[in-house]
PDB file of N, CA and C in Angstrom:
ATOM      1  N   MET A   1     207.024 139.486-114.553  1.00  0.00           N
ATOM      2  CA  MET A   1     205.654 139.361-114.150  1.00  0.00           C
ATOM      3  C   MET A   1     205.207 137.916-114.285  1.00  0.00           C
ATOM      4  N   LEU A   2     204.322 137.538-113.412  1.00  0.00           N
ATOM      5  CA  LEU A   2     203.797 136.183-113.441  1.00  0.00           C
ATOM      6  C   LEU A   2     202.496 136.174-114.230  1.00  0.00           C
ATOM      7  N   ALA A   3     202.390 135.262-115.177  1.00  0.00           N
ATOM      8  CA  ALA A   3     201.205 135.220-116.013  1.00  0.00           C
ATOM      9  C   ALA A   3     200.239 134.126-115.597  1.00  0.00           C
ATOM     10  N   ARG A   4     200.732 133.048-115.042  1.00  0.00           N
ATOM     11  CA  ARG A   4     199.872 131.923-114.672  1.00  0.00           C
ATOM     12  C   ARG A   4     200.207 131.475-113.250  1.00  0.00           C
ATOM     13  N   PRO A   5     199.219 130.984-112.534  1.00  0.00           N
ATOM     14  CA  PRO A   5     199.479 130.510-111.173  1.00  0.00           C
ATOM     15  C   PRO A   5     200.508 129.386-111.129  1.00  0.00           C
ATOM     16  N   SER A   6     200.507 128.540-112.131  1.00  0.00           N
ATOM     17  CA  SER A   6     201.451 127.425-112.106  1.00  0.00           C
ATOM     18  C   SER A   6     202.889 127.913-112.189  1.00  0.00           C
ATOM     19  N   GLU A   7     203.130 129.033-112.843  1.00  0.00           N
ATOM     20  CA  GLU A   7     204.481 129.585-112.916  1.00  0.00           C
ATOM     21  C   GLU A   7     204.938 130.123-111.574  1.00  0.00           C
ATOM     22  N   ALA A   8     203.995 130.506-110.737  1.00  0.00           N
ATOM     23  CA  ALA A   8     204.337 131.032-109.421  1.00  0.00           C
ATOM     24  C   ALA A   8     204.388 129.924-108.378  1.00  0.00           C
ATOM     25  N   GLY A   9     204.110 128.693-108.796  1.00  0.00           N
ATOM     26  CA  GLY A   9     204.109 127.592-107.853  1.00  0.00           C
ATOM     27  C   GLY A   9     202.790 127.478-107.112  1.00  0.00           C
ATOM     28  N   LEU A  10     201.755 128.139-107.608  1.00  0.00           N
ATOM     29  CA  LEU A  10     200.445 128.090-106.976  1.00  0.00           C
ATOM     30  C   LEU A  10     199.578 127.077-107.702  1.00  0.00           C
ATOM     31  N   ASP A  11     198.783 126.347-106.965  1.00  0.00           N
ATOM     32  CA  ASP A  11     197.896 125.360-107.568  1.00  0.00           C
ATOM     33  C   ASP A  11     196.460 125.852-107.646  1.00  0.00           C
ATOM     34  N   PHE A  12     196.192 127.054-107.193  1.00  0.00           N
ATOM     35  CA  PHE A  12     194.827 127.554-107.171  1.00  0.00           C
ATOM     36  C   PHE A  12     194.844 129.058-107.417  1.00  0.00           C
ATOM     37  N   GLY A  13     193.714 129.576-107.809  1.00  0.00           N
ATOM     38  CA  GLY A  13     193.533 131.018-107.907  1.00  0.00           C
ATOM     39  C   GLY A  13     194.348 131.671-108.999  1.00  0.00           C
ATOM     40  N   LEU A  14     194.472 132.964-108.910  1.00  0.00           N
ATOM     41  CA  LEU A  14     195.227 133.758-109.860  1.00  0.00           C
ATOM     42  C   LEU A  14     196.498 134.265-109.204  1.00  0.00           C
ATOM     43  N   ALA A  15     197.534 134.345-109.970  1.00  0.00           N
ATOM     44  CA  ALA A  15     198.775 134.905-109.458  1.00  0.00           C
ATOM     45  C   ALA A  15     198.721 136.420-109.605  1.00  0.00           C
ATOM     46  N   VAL A  16     199.267 137.119-108.649  1.00  0.00           N
ATOM     47  CA  VAL A  16     199.334 138.570-108.711  1.00  0.00           C
ATOM     48  C   VAL A  16     200.754 138.941-109.090  1.00  0.00           C
ATOM     49  N   THR A  17     200.865 139.865-109.998  1.00  0.00           N
ATOM     50  CA  THR A  17     202.193 140.285-110.451  1.00  0.00           C
ATOM     51  C   THR A  17     202.860 141.110-109.365  1.00  0.00           C
ATOM     52  N   PRO A  18     204.177 141.255-109.429  1.00  0.00           N
ATOM     53  CA  PRO A  18     204.865 142.070-108.427  1.00  0.00           C
ATOM     54  C   PRO A  18     204.373 143.514-108.384  1.00  0.00           C
ATOM     55  N   SER A  19     203.826 144.010-109.474  1.00  0.00           N
ATOM     56  CA  SER A  19     203.327 145.387-109.469  1.00  0.00           C
ATOM     57  C   SER A  19     201.971 145.486-108.770  1.00  0.00           C
ATOM     58  N   GLY A  20     201.379 144.364-108.382  1.00  0.00           N
ATOM     59  CA  GLY A  20     200.117 144.368-107.683  1.00  0.00           C
ATOM     60  C   GLY A  20     198.918 144.254-108.595  1.00  0.00           C
ATOM     61  N   CYS A  21     199.136 144.099-109.873  1.00  0.00           N
ATOM     62  CA  CYS A  21     198.038 143.985-110.830  1.00  0.00           C
ATOM     63  C   CYS A  21     197.787 142.521-111.151  1.00  0.00           C
ATOM     64  N   LEU A  22     196.584 142.239-111.584  1.00  0.00           N
ATOM     65  CA  LEU A  22     196.267 140.888-112.011  1.00  0.00           C
ATOM     66  C   LEU A  22     196.853 140.640-113.390  1.00  0.00           C
ATOM     67  N   PRO A  23     197.121 139.394-113.730  1.00  0.00           N
ATOM     68  CA  PRO A  23     197.640 139.082-115.058  1.00  0.00           C
ATOM     69  C   PRO A  23     196.656 139.484-116.150  1.00  0.00           C
ATOM     70  N   ARG A  24     197.166 139.643-117.332  1.00  0.00           N
ATOM     71  CA  ARG A  24     196.360 140.038-118.471  1.00  0.00           C
ATOM     72  C   ARG A  24     195.230 139.027-118.703  1.00  0.00           C
ATOM     73  N   GLY A  25     194.024 139.509-118.901  1.00  0.00           N
ATOM     74  CA  GLY A  25     192.893 138.637-119.174  1.00  0.00           C
ATOM     75  C   GLY A  25     192.204 138.096-117.934  1.00  0.00           C
ATOM     76  N   ALA A  26     192.692 138.417-116.739  1.00  0.00           N
ATOM     77  CA  ALA A  26     192.083 137.919-115.504  1.00  0.00           C
ATOM     78  C   ALA A  26     190.894 138.797-115.144  1.00  0.00           C
ATOM     79  N   ASN A  27     189.774 138.180-114.848  1.00  0.00           N
ATOM     80  CA  ASN A  27     188.561 138.909-114.471  1.00  0.00           C
ATOM     81  C   ASN A  27     188.162 138.536-113.054  1.00  0.00           C
ATOM     82  N   LEU A  28     187.801 139.528-112.285  1.00  0.00           N
ATOM     83  CA  LEU A  28     187.267 139.302-110.952  1.00  0.00           C
ATOM     84  C   LEU A  28     185.889 139.930-110.893  1.00  0.00           C
ATOM     85  N   PRO A  29     184.930 139.294-110.211  1.00  0.00           N
ATOM     86  CA  PRO A  29     183.608 139.909-110.101  1.00  0.00           C
ATOM     87  C   PRO A  29     183.698 141.202-109.301  1.00  0.00           C
ATOM     88  N   ALA A  30     182.869 142.168-109.663  1.00  0.00           N
ATOM     89  CA  ALA A  30     182.881 143.464-108.981  1.00  0.00           C
ATOM     90  C   ALA A  30     182.447 143.317-107.529  1.00  0.00           C
ATOM     91  N   ALA A  31     181.455 142.491-107.270  1.00  0.00           N
ATOM     92  CA  ALA A  31     180.971 142.267-105.911  1.00  0.00           C
ATOM     93  C   ALA A  31     180.329 140.892-105.850  1.00  0.00           C
ATOM     94  N   MET A  32     180.330 140.337-104.671  1.00  0.00           N
ATOM     95  CA  MET A  32     179.676 139.044-104.493  1.00  0.00           C
ATOM     96  C   MET A  32     178.170 139.248-104.554  1.00  0.00           C
ATOM     97  N   PRO A  33     177.458 138.412-105.274  1.00  0.00           N
ATOM     98  CA  PRO A  33     176.007 138.558-105.318  1.00  0.00           C
ATOM     99  C   PRO A  33     175.385 138.210-103.976  1.00  0.00           C
ATOM    100  N   ALA A  34     174.343 138.914-103.628  1.00  0.00           N
ATOM    101  CA  ALA A  34     173.658 138.655-102.361  1.00  0.00           C
ATOM    102  C   ALA A  34     172.839 137.372-102.481  1.00  0.00           C
ATOM    103  N   ASP A  35     173.012 136.488-101.533  1.00  0.00           N
ATOM    104  CA  ASP A  35     172.280 135.232-101.525  1.00  0.00           C
ATOM    105  C   ASP A  35     171.434 135.193-100.251  1.00  0.00           C
ATOM    106  N   PRO A  36     170.125 135.413-100.345  1.00  0.00           N
ATOM    107  CA  PRO A  36     169.305 135.472 -99.136  1.00  0.00           C
ATOM    108  C   PRO A  36     169.215 134.147 -98.398  1.00  0.00           C
ATOM    109  N   ASP A  37     169.570 133.045 -99.040  1.00  0.00           N
ATOM    110  CA  ASP A  37     169.491 131.745 -98.384  1.00  0.00           C
ATOM    111  C   ASP A  37     170.686 131.474 -97.475  1.00  0.00           C
ATOM    112  N   ARG A  38     171.711 132.292 -97.549  1.00  0.00           N
ATOM    113  CA  ARG A  38     172.918 132.051 -96.768  1.00  0.00           C
ATOM    114  C   ARG A  38     172.808 132.518 -95.328  1.00  0.00           C
ATOM    115  N   GLY A  39     171.852 133.358 -95.002  1.00  0.00           N
ATOM    116  CA  GLY A  39     171.720 133.846 -93.641  1.00  0.00           C
ATOM    117  C   GLY A  39     172.111 135.305 -93.540  1.00  0.00           C
ATOM    118  N   LEU A  40     172.425 135.736 -92.339  1.00  0.00           N
ATOM    119  CA  LEU A  40     172.754 137.133 -92.097  1.00  0.00           C
ATOM    120  C   LEU A  40     174.129 137.471 -92.648  1.00  0.00           C
ATOM    121  N   SER A  41     174.276 138.694 -93.122  1.00  0.00           N
ATOM    122  CA  SER A  41     175.575 139.174 -93.576  1.00  0.00           C
ATOM    123  C   SER A  41     176.371 139.651 -92.362  1.00  0.00           C
ATOM    124  N   GLY A  42     177.569 140.110 -92.609  1.00  0.00           N
ATOM    125  CA  GLY A  42     178.402 140.602 -91.514  1.00  0.00           C
ATOM    126  C   GLY A  42     177.796 141.792 -90.805  1.00  0.00           C
ATOM    127  N   THR A  43     177.270 142.742 -91.575  1.00  0.00           N
ATOM    128  CA  THR A  43     176.653 143.903 -90.949  1.00  0.00           C
ATOM    129  C   THR A  43     175.363 143.525 -90.229  1.00  0.00           C
ATOM    130  N   GLY A  44     174.636 142.547 -90.766  1.00  0.00           N
ATOM    131  CA  GLY A  44     173.440 142.068 -90.076  1.00  0.00           C
ATOM    132  C   GLY A  44     173.773 141.433 -88.745  1.00  0.00           C
ATOM    133  N   LEU A  45     174.882 140.690 -88.700  1.00  0.00           N
ATOM    134  CA  LEU A  45     175.299 140.063 -87.446  1.00  0.00           C
ATOM    135  C   LEU A  45     175.778 141.096 -86.430  1.00  0.00           C
ATOM    136  N   ILE A  46     176.463 142.133 -86.915  1.00  0.00           N
ATOM    137  CA  ILE A  46     176.898 143.197 -86.007  1.00  0.00           C
ATOM    138  C   ILE A  46     175.687 143.911 -85.424  1.00  0.00           C
ATOM    139  N   GLY A  47     174.715 144.206 -86.278  1.00  0.00           N
ATOM    140  CA  GLY A  47     173.489 144.851 -85.798  1.00  0.00           C
ATOM    141  C   GLY A  47     172.742 143.987 -84.797  1.00  0.00           C
ATOM    142  N   LEU A  48     172.693 142.691 -85.063  1.00  0.00           N
ATOM    143  CA  LEU A  48     172.029 141.775 -84.134  1.00  0.00           C
ATOM    144  C   LEU A  48     172.763 141.733 -82.798  1.00  0.00           C
ATOM    145  N   GLY A  49     174.077 141.734 -82.828  1.00  0.00           N
ATOM    146  CA  GLY A  49     174.853 141.733 -81.590  1.00  0.00           C
ATOM    147  C   GLY A  49     174.648 142.990 -80.770  1.00  0.00           C
ATOM    148  N   ILE A  50     174.612 144.141 -81.444  1.00  0.00           N
ATOM    149  CA  ILE A  50     174.364 145.403 -80.738  1.00  0.00           C
ATOM    150  C   ILE A  50     172.954 145.403 -80.150  1.00  0.00           C
ATOM    151  N   TYR A  51     171.999 144.908 -80.921  1.00  0.00           N
ATOM    152  CA  TYR A  51     170.619 144.823 -80.427  1.00  0.00           C
ATOM    153  C   TYR A  51     170.537 143.943 -79.186  1.00  0.00           C
ATOM    154  N   LEU A  52     171.145 142.761 -79.248  1.00  0.00           N
ATOM    155  CA  LEU A  52     171.079 141.826 -78.119  1.00  0.00           C
ATOM    156  C   LEU A  52     171.756 142.411 -76.885  1.00  0.00           C
ATOM    157  N   ALA A  53     172.892 143.063 -77.078  1.00  0.00           N
ATOM    158  CA  ALA A  53     173.588 143.667 -75.939  1.00  0.00           C
ATOM    159  C   ALA A  53     172.739 144.774 -75.318  1.00  0.00           C
ATOM    160  N   GLY A  54     172.142 145.613 -76.160  1.00  0.00           N
ATOM    161  CA  GLY A  54     171.327 146.706 -75.645  1.00  0.00           C
ATOM    162  C   GLY A  54     170.074 146.221 -74.941  1.00  0.00           C
ATOM    163  N   VAL A  55     169.455 145.189 -75.492  1.00  0.00           N
ATOM    164  CA  VAL A  55     168.215 144.671 -74.901  1.00  0.00           C
ATOM    165  C   VAL A  55     168.484 144.046 -73.540  1.00  0.00           C
ATOM    166  N   VAL A  56     169.656 143.514 -73.318  1.00  0.00           N
ATOM    167  CA  VAL A  56     169.963 142.905 -72.018  1.00  0.00           C
ATOM    168  C   VAL A  56     170.492 143.952 -71.040  1.00  0.00           C
ATOM    169  N   VAL A  57     171.351 144.855 -71.514  1.00  0.00           N
ATOM    170  CA  VAL A  57     172.029 145.791 -70.609  1.00  0.00           C
ATOM    171  C   VAL A  57     171.092 146.893 -70.103  1.00  0.00           C
ATOM    172  N   VAL A  58     170.244 147.439 -70.960  1.00  0.00           N
ATOM    173  CA  VAL A  58     169.395 148.565 -70.549  1.00  0.00           C
ATOM    174  C   VAL A  58     168.445 148.181 -69.410  1.00  0.00           C
ATOM    175  N   PRO A  59     167.685 147.079 -69.503  1.00  0.00           N
ATOM    176  CA  PRO A  59     166.829 146.724 -68.354  1.00  0.00           C
ATOM    177  C   PRO A  59     167.633 146.341 -67.108  1.00  0.00           C
ATOM    178  N   LEU A  60     168.823 145.793 -67.314  1.00  0.00           N
ATOM    179  CA  LEU A  60     169.669 145.444 -66.179  1.00  0.00           C
ATOM    180  C   LEU A  60     170.099 146.693 -65.409  1.00  0.00           C
ATOM    181  N   ILE A  61     170.517 147.730 -66.130  1.00  0.00           N
ATOM    182  CA  ILE A  61     170.918 148.984 -65.480  1.00  0.00           C
ATOM    183  C   ILE A  61     169.705 149.667 -64.847  1.00  0.00           C
ATOM    184  N   ALA A  62     168.568 149.608 -65.532  1.00  0.00           N
ATOM    185  CA  ALA A  62     167.350 150.184 -64.954  1.00  0.00           C
ATOM    186  C   ALA A  62     166.988 149.463 -63.658  1.00  0.00           C
ATOM    187  N   GLY A  63     167.152 148.150 -63.624  1.00  0.00           N
ATOM    188  CA  GLY A  63     166.894 147.392 -62.402  1.00  0.00           C
ATOM    189  C   GLY A  63     167.830 147.783 -61.276  1.00  0.00           C
ATOM    190  N   LEU A  64     169.101 148.005 -61.597  1.00  0.00           N
ATOM    191  CA  LEU A  64     170.063 148.447 -60.575  1.00  0.00           C
ATOM    192  C   LEU A  64     169.667 149.809 -60.006  1.00  0.00           C
ATOM    193  N   LEU A  65     169.275 150.723 -60.887  1.00  0.00           N
ATOM    194  CA  LEU A  65     168.891 152.057 -60.425  1.00  0.00           C
ATOM    195  C   LEU A  65     167.618 152.014 -59.565  1.00  0.00           C
ATOM    196  N   LEU A  66     166.649 151.211 -59.980  1.00  0.00           N
ATOM    197  CA  LEU A  66     165.433 151.076 -59.175  1.00  0.00           C
ATOM    198  C   LEU A  66     165.718 150.437 -57.822  1.00  0.00           C
ATOM    199  N   ASP A  67     166.651 149.500 -57.793  1.00  0.00           N
ATOM    200  CA  ASP A  67     167.035 148.888 -56.508  1.00  0.00           C
ATOM    201  C   ASP A  67     167.675 149.911 -55.585  1.00  0.00           C
ATOM    202  N   ARG A  68     168.469 150.815 -56.129  1.00  0.00           N
ATOM    203  CA  ARG A  68     169.094 151.844 -55.290  1.00  0.00           C
ATOM    204  C   ARG A  68     168.054 152.813 -54.740  1.00  0.00           C
ATOM    205  N   LEU A  69     167.081 153.162 -55.594  1.00  0.00           N
ATOM    206  CA  LEU A  69     166.062 154.120 -55.162  1.00  0.00           C
ATOM    207  C   LEU A  69     165.119 153.525 -54.119  1.00  0.00           C
ATOM    208  N   THR A  70     164.764 152.279 -54.270  1.00  0.00           N
ATOM    209  CA  THR A  70     163.772 151.657 -53.386  1.00  0.00           C
ATOM    210  C   THR A  70     164.393 150.804 -52.280  1.00  0.00           C
ATOM    211  N   HIS A  71     165.700 150.649 -52.301  1.00  0.00           N
ATOM    212  CA  HIS A  71     166.430 149.856 -51.297  1.00  0.00           C
ATOM    213  C   HIS A  71     165.936 148.407 -51.252  1.00  0.00           C
ATOM    214  N   THR A  72     165.619 147.855 -52.385  1.00  0.00           N
ATOM    215  CA  THR A  72     165.271 146.427 -52.502  1.00  0.00           C
ATOM    216  C   THR A  72     166.357 145.786 -53.352  1.00  0.00           C
ATOM    217  N   SER A  73     167.339 145.222 -52.693  1.00  0.00           N
ATOM    218  CA  SER A  73     168.590 144.850 -53.334  1.00  0.00           C
ATOM    219  C   SER A  73     168.466 144.023 -54.623  1.00  0.00           C
ATOM    220  N   PRO A  74     168.100 142.765 -54.610  1.00  0.00           N
ATOM    221  CA  PRO A  74     168.187 142.073 -55.900  1.00  0.00           C
ATOM    222  C   PRO A  74     166.876 142.024 -56.685  1.00  0.00           C
ATOM    223  N   LEU A  75     165.800 142.590 -56.163  1.00  0.00           N
ATOM    224  CA  LEU A  75     164.489 142.407 -56.776  1.00  0.00           C
ATOM    225  C   LEU A  75     164.421 142.964 -58.201  1.00  0.00           C
ATOM    226  N   PHE A  76     164.657 144.252 -58.366  1.00  0.00           N
ATOM    227  CA  PHE A  76     164.545 144.860 -59.688  1.00  0.00           C
ATOM    228  C   PHE A  76     165.709 144.468 -60.604  1.00  0.00           C
ATOM    229  N   LEU A  77     166.838 144.138 -60.030  1.00  0.00           N
ATOM    230  CA  LEU A  77     167.952 143.641 -60.835  1.00  0.00           C
ATOM    231  C   LEU A  77     167.565 142.330 -61.519  1.00  0.00           C
ATOM    232  N   LEU A  78     167.003 141.420 -60.754  1.00  0.00           N
ATOM    233  CA  LEU A  78     166.577 140.147 -61.330  1.00  0.00           C
ATOM    234  C   LEU A  78     165.409 140.331 -62.302  1.00  0.00           C
ATOM    235  N   LEU A  79     164.502 141.247 -61.975  1.00  0.00           N
ATOM    236  CA  LEU A  79     163.395 141.535 -62.880  1.00  0.00           C
ATOM    237  C   LEU A  79     163.912 142.132 -64.196  1.00  0.00           C
ATOM    238  N   GLY A  80     164.881 143.039 -64.102  1.00  0.00           N
ATOM    239  CA  GLY A  80     165.488 143.619 -65.303  1.00  0.00           C
ATOM    240  C   GLY A  80     166.226 142.571 -66.119  1.00  0.00           C
ATOM    241  N   LEU A  81     166.894 141.653 -65.454  1.00  0.00           N
ATOM    242  CA  LEU A  81     167.573 140.570 -66.153  1.00  0.00           C
ATOM    243  C   LEU A  81     166.569 139.679 -66.866  1.00  0.00           C
ATOM    244  N   LEU A  82     165.465 139.376 -66.209  1.00  0.00           N
ATOM    245  CA  LEU A  82     164.425 138.558 -66.824  1.00  0.00           C
ATOM    246  C   LEU A  82     163.820 139.248 -68.051  1.00  0.00           C
ATOM    247  N   VAL A  83     163.542 140.537 -67.923  1.00  0.00           N
ATOM    248  CA  VAL A  83     162.997 141.299 -69.052  1.00  0.00           C
ATOM    249  C   VAL A  83     164.005 141.349 -70.197  1.00  0.00           C
ATOM    250  N   GLY A  84     165.271 141.567 -69.881  1.00  0.00           N
ATOM    251  CA  GLY A  84     166.301 141.650 -70.904  1.00  0.00           C
ATOM    252  C   GLY A  84     166.510 140.346 -71.648  1.00  0.00           C
ATOM    253  N   VAL A  85     166.591 139.261 -70.925  1.00  0.00           N
ATOM    254  CA  VAL A  85     166.796 137.952 -71.564  1.00  0.00           C
ATOM    255  C   VAL A  85     165.565 137.563 -72.379  1.00  0.00           C
ATOM    256  N   SER A  86     164.371 137.881 -71.865  1.00  0.00           N
ATOM    257  CA  SER A  86     163.153 137.591 -72.627  1.00  0.00           C
ATOM    258  C   SER A  86     163.102 138.408 -73.909  1.00  0.00           C
ATOM    259  N   GLY A  87     163.439 139.679 -73.812  1.00  0.00           N
ATOM    260  CA  GLY A  87     163.454 140.533 -75.001  1.00  0.00           C
ATOM    261  C   GLY A  87     164.500 140.094 -76.005  1.00  0.00           C
ATOM    262  N   ALA A  88     165.666 139.673 -75.521  1.00  0.00           N
ATOM    263  CA  ALA A  88     166.719 139.194 -76.424  1.00  0.00           C
ATOM    264  C   ALA A  88     166.284 137.910 -77.114  1.00  0.00           C
ATOM    265  N   GLY A  89     165.662 137.010 -76.379  1.00  0.00           N
ATOM    266  CA  GLY A  89     165.182 135.768 -76.982  1.00  0.00           C
ATOM    267  C   GLY A  89     164.112 136.021 -78.028  1.00  0.00           C
ATOM    268  N   ALA A  90     163.182 136.937 -77.733  1.00  0.00           N
ATOM    269  CA  ALA A  90     162.122 137.263 -78.694  1.00  0.00           C
ATOM    270  C   ALA A  90     162.698 137.922 -79.936  1.00  0.00           C
ATOM    271  N   GLY A  91     163.642 138.830 -79.758  1.00  0.00           N
ATOM    272  CA  GLY A  91     164.261 139.495 -80.906  1.00  0.00           C
ATOM    273  C   GLY A  91     165.074 138.536 -81.755  1.00  0.00           C
ATOM    274  N   LEU A  92     165.795 137.647 -81.108  1.00  0.00           N
ATOM    275  CA  LEU A  92     166.580 136.656 -81.837  1.00  0.00           C
ATOM    276  C   LEU A  92     165.660 135.704 -82.595  1.00  0.00           C
ATOM    277  N   TRP A  93     164.568 135.289 -81.969  1.00  0.00           N
ATOM    278  CA  TRP A  93     163.604 134.410 -82.641  1.00  0.00           C
ATOM    279  C   TRP A  93     162.997 135.103 -83.864  1.00  0.00           C
ATOM    280  N   ALA A  94     162.619 136.375 -83.712  1.00  0.00           N
ATOM    281  CA  ALA A  94     162.021 137.101 -84.835  1.00  0.00           C
ATOM    282  C   ALA A  94     163.010 137.261 -85.976  1.00  0.00           C
ATOM    283  N   GLN A  95     164.276 137.473 -85.660  1.00  0.00           N
ATOM    284  CA  GLN A  95     165.298 137.653 -86.700  1.00  0.00           C
ATOM    285  C   GLN A  95     165.621 136.338 -87.397  1.00  0.00           C
ATOM    286  N   MET A  96     165.688 135.249 -86.656  1.00  0.00           N
ATOM    287  CA  MET A  96     166.081 133.959 -87.227  1.00  0.00           C
ATOM    288  C   MET A  96     164.922 133.188 -87.838  1.00  0.00           C
ATOM    289  N   LYS A  97     163.689 133.596 -87.535  1.00  0.00           N
ATOM    290  CA  LYS A  97     162.514 132.885 -88.017  1.00  0.00           C
ATOM    291  C   LYS A  97     162.476 132.843 -89.553  1.00  0.00           C
ATOM    292  N   ARG A  98     162.961 133.892 -90.192  1.00  0.00           N
ATOM    293  CA  ARG A  98     162.907 133.905 -91.662  1.00  0.00           C
ATOM    294  C   ARG A  98     163.908 132.941 -92.302  1.00  0.00           C
ATOM    295  N   TYR A  99     164.888 132.472 -91.550  1.00  0.00           N
ATOM    296  CA  TYR A  99     165.876 131.537 -92.098  1.00  0.00           C
ATOM    297  C   TYR A  99     165.540 130.079 -91.771  1.00  0.00           C
ATOM    298  N   MET A 100     164.471 129.853 -91.051  1.00  0.00           N
ATOM    299  CA  MET A 100     164.116 128.485 -90.676  1.00  0.00           C
ATOM    300  C   MET A 100     163.144 127.896 -91.667  1.00  0.00           C
TER     301      MET A 100
END
């Protein structure tokens, strides 16, 4: 078993023994503390991405459907795109405003 990183040829961190356990006396924090100054977490970024995709795609599809019903080819598509991009920008601004 490896007791020290230097014995394993490592210059940093802790060495892990072949059994997969940490050396005797090694402590690891249970979880990283939340730091609100760092910005969005991974799950926050995933949620923001899903929100942005939905805000752009839903009005775009609605515009396509309205164009088919009314036979006005790019009118509602462009209007849906404008609504979607505006909504995405407003949502992104509201989410990022607390970090500025």
